[in-house]
C-alpha atoms as a PDB file:
ATOM      1  CA  MET A   1     -41.520 -13.547   7.674  1.00  0.00           C
ATOM      2  CA  ARG A   2     -39.684 -14.446   4.626  1.00  0.00           C
ATOM      3  CA  ILE A   3     -39.469 -10.577   3.899  1.00  0.00           C
ATOM      4  CA  ARG A   4     -37.786  -9.721   6.967  1.00  0.00           C
ATOM      5  CA  ARG A   5     -34.927 -12.353   6.278  1.00  0.00           C
ATOM      6  CA  ILE A   6     -34.652 -10.860   2.758  1.00  0.00           C
ATOM      7  CA  LEU A   7     -34.445  -7.386   4.118  1.00  0.00           C
ATOM      8  CA  ALA A   8     -31.988  -8.474   7.052  1.00  0.00           C
ATOM      9  CA  ALA A   9     -29.982 -10.189   4.123  1.00  0.00           C
ATOM     10  CA  VAL A  10     -29.926  -6.845   1.759  1.00  0.00           C
ATOM     11  CA  PHE A  11     -28.742  -4.770   4.868  1.00  0.00           C
ATOM     12  CA  ALA A  12     -26.039  -7.071   5.921  1.00  0.00           C
ATOM     13  CA  THR A  13     -24.778  -7.240   2.361  1.00  0.00           C
ATOM     14  CA  ALA A  14     -24.854  -3.544   1.870  1.00  0.00           C
ATOM     15  CA  ALA A  15     -23.333  -2.840   5.299  1.00  0.00           C
ATOM     16  CA  LEU A  16     -20.720  -5.190   4.285  1.00  0.00           C
ATOM     17  CA  ALA A  17     -20.118  -3.648   0.711  1.00  0.00           C
ATOM     18  CA  GLY A  18     -20.149   0.036   2.441  1.00  0.00           C
ATOM     19  CA  LEU A  19     -17.284  -1.183   4.858  1.00  0.00           C
ATOM     20  CA  GLY A  20     -15.107  -2.619   1.748  1.00  0.00           C
ATOM     21  CA  LEU A  21     -15.461   0.786  -0.094  1.00  0.00           C
ATOM     22  CA  THR A  22     -14.673   3.089   2.964  1.00  0.00           C
ATOM     23  CA  GLY A  23     -11.623   0.737   3.605  1.00  0.00           C
ATOM     24  CA  ALA A  24     -10.262   0.773  -0.076  1.00  0.00           C
ATOM     25  CA  ALA A  25     -10.695   4.727  -0.131  1.00  0.00           C
ATOM     26  CA  THR A  26      -8.627   4.834   3.161  1.00  0.00           C
ATOM     27  CA  ALA A  27      -6.020   2.638   1.890  1.00  0.00           C
ATOM     28  CA  THR A  28      -5.676   4.508  -1.596  1.00  0.00           C
ATOM     29  CA  ALA A  29      -5.332   7.619   0.307  1.00  0.00           C
ATOM     30  CA  ALA A  30      -2.822   6.115   2.705  1.00  0.00           C
ATOM     31  CA  THR A  31      -0.646   4.691   0.126  1.00  0.00           C
ATOM     32  CA  ALA A  32      -0.869   7.652  -2.523  1.00  0.00           C
ATOM     33  CA  GLY A  33       2.480   9.084  -0.864  1.00  0.00           C
ATOM     34  CA  SER A  34       3.861  12.025  -3.088  1.00  0.00           C
ATOM     35  CA  VAL A  35       3.213  11.992  -7.146  1.00  0.00           C
ATOM     36  CA  THR A  36       5.601  13.499  -9.105  1.00  0.00           C
ATOM     37  CA  ALA A  37       4.769  13.305 -12.991  1.00  0.00           C
ATOM     38  CA  GLY A  38       1.618  11.325 -12.450  1.00  0.00           C
ATOM     39  CA  ASN A  39       3.761   8.544 -11.058  1.00  0.00           C
ATOM     40  CA  VAL A  40       3.035   7.638  -7.368  1.00  0.00           C
ATOM     41  CA  THR A  41       6.454   7.045  -5.090  1.00  0.00           C
ATOM     42  CA  GLN A  42       7.133   4.685  -2.412  1.00  0.00           C
ATOM     43  CA  ALA A  43       8.565   5.835   0.979  1.00  0.00           C
ATOM     44  CA  SER A  44      10.177   2.202   1.087  1.00  0.00           C
ATOM     45  CA  VAL A  45      10.907  -0.896  -1.045  1.00  0.00           C
ATOM     46  CA  THR A  46      11.388  -4.557  -0.237  1.00  0.00           C
ATOM     47  CA  PRO A  47      15.054  -6.092  -0.213  1.00  0.00           C
ATOM     48  CA  GLY A  48      13.554  -8.036  -3.504  1.00  0.00           C
ATOM     49  CA  GLU A  49      12.416  -4.866  -5.084  1.00  0.00           C
ATOM     50  CA  CYS A  50      15.877  -3.004  -4.402  1.00  0.00           C
ATOM     51  CA  THR A  51      18.094  -5.733  -5.937  1.00  0.00           C
ATOM     52  CA  ASP A  52      15.802  -6.364  -8.814  1.00  0.00           C
ATOM     53  CA  GLY A  53      16.024  -2.735  -9.632  1.00  0.00           C
ATOM     54  CA  GLY A  54      19.918  -2.428  -9.955  1.00  0.00           C
ATOM     55  CA  GLY A  55      20.706  -1.727  -6.160  1.00  0.00           C
ATOM     56  CA  LYS A  56      22.395  -2.769  -3.030  1.00  0.00           C
ATOM     57  CA  ILE A  57      21.265  -3.111   0.557  1.00  0.00           C
ATOM     58  CA  ASP A  58      23.302  -0.768   2.530  1.00  0.00           C
ATOM     59  CA  ARG A  59      22.868  -1.973   6.030  1.00  0.00           C
ATOM     60  CA  SER A  60      25.298   0.687   7.606  1.00  0.00           C
ATOM     61  CA  THR A  61      22.640   3.488   7.827  1.00  0.00           C
ATOM     62  CA  PRO A  62      21.908   4.112  11.506  1.00  0.00           C
ATOM     63  CA  VAL A  63      18.049   3.287  11.403  1.00  0.00           C
ATOM     64  CA  LEU A  64      16.900   1.248   8.570  1.00  0.00           C
ATOM     65  CA  PRO A  65      18.883  -0.052   5.719  1.00  0.00           C
ATOM     66  CA  THR A  66      18.663   1.914   2.402  1.00  0.00           C
ATOM     67  CA  CYS A  67      18.695   0.707  -1.192  1.00  0.00           C
ATOM     68  CA  ARG A  68      21.733   2.405  -2.932  1.00  0.00           C
ATOM     69  CA  GLY A  69      22.204   2.539  -6.516  1.00  0.00           C
ATOM     70  CA  GLY A  70      19.656   1.598  -9.238  1.00  0.00           C
ATOM     71  CA  MET A  71      16.202   2.522  -9.794  1.00  0.00           C
ATOM     72  CA  TYR A  72      15.085   3.140  -5.762  1.00  0.00           C
ATOM     73  CA  ASP A  73      18.549   4.577  -4.762  1.00  0.00           C
ATOM     74  CA  GLY A  74      18.065   6.181  -1.489  1.00  0.00           C
ATOM     75  CA  ARG A  75      14.991   4.597  -0.170  1.00  0.00           C
ATOM     76  CA  THR A  76      14.504   3.006   3.351  1.00  0.00           C
ATOM     77  CA  VAL A  77      14.360  -1.018   2.938  1.00  0.00           C
ATOM     78  CA  ASP A  78      11.587  -2.764   4.980  1.00  0.00           C
END
């Protein structure tokens, strides 16, 4: 009886670890974006990242606000 409980715990742990690994692989693949010279570029930035990078948030764009100037020039702001 004790062996069954131990085996059940081992299988449950392995299953949860497997889910964690596949979730991490999916998240890595989803956020990889485009690679330029070994650096991964983001599709959008946060308002804090825009201003910290030396830019200003331009809210006059039709769909989403855009970061103007600085390190993240031209990226959408979430």
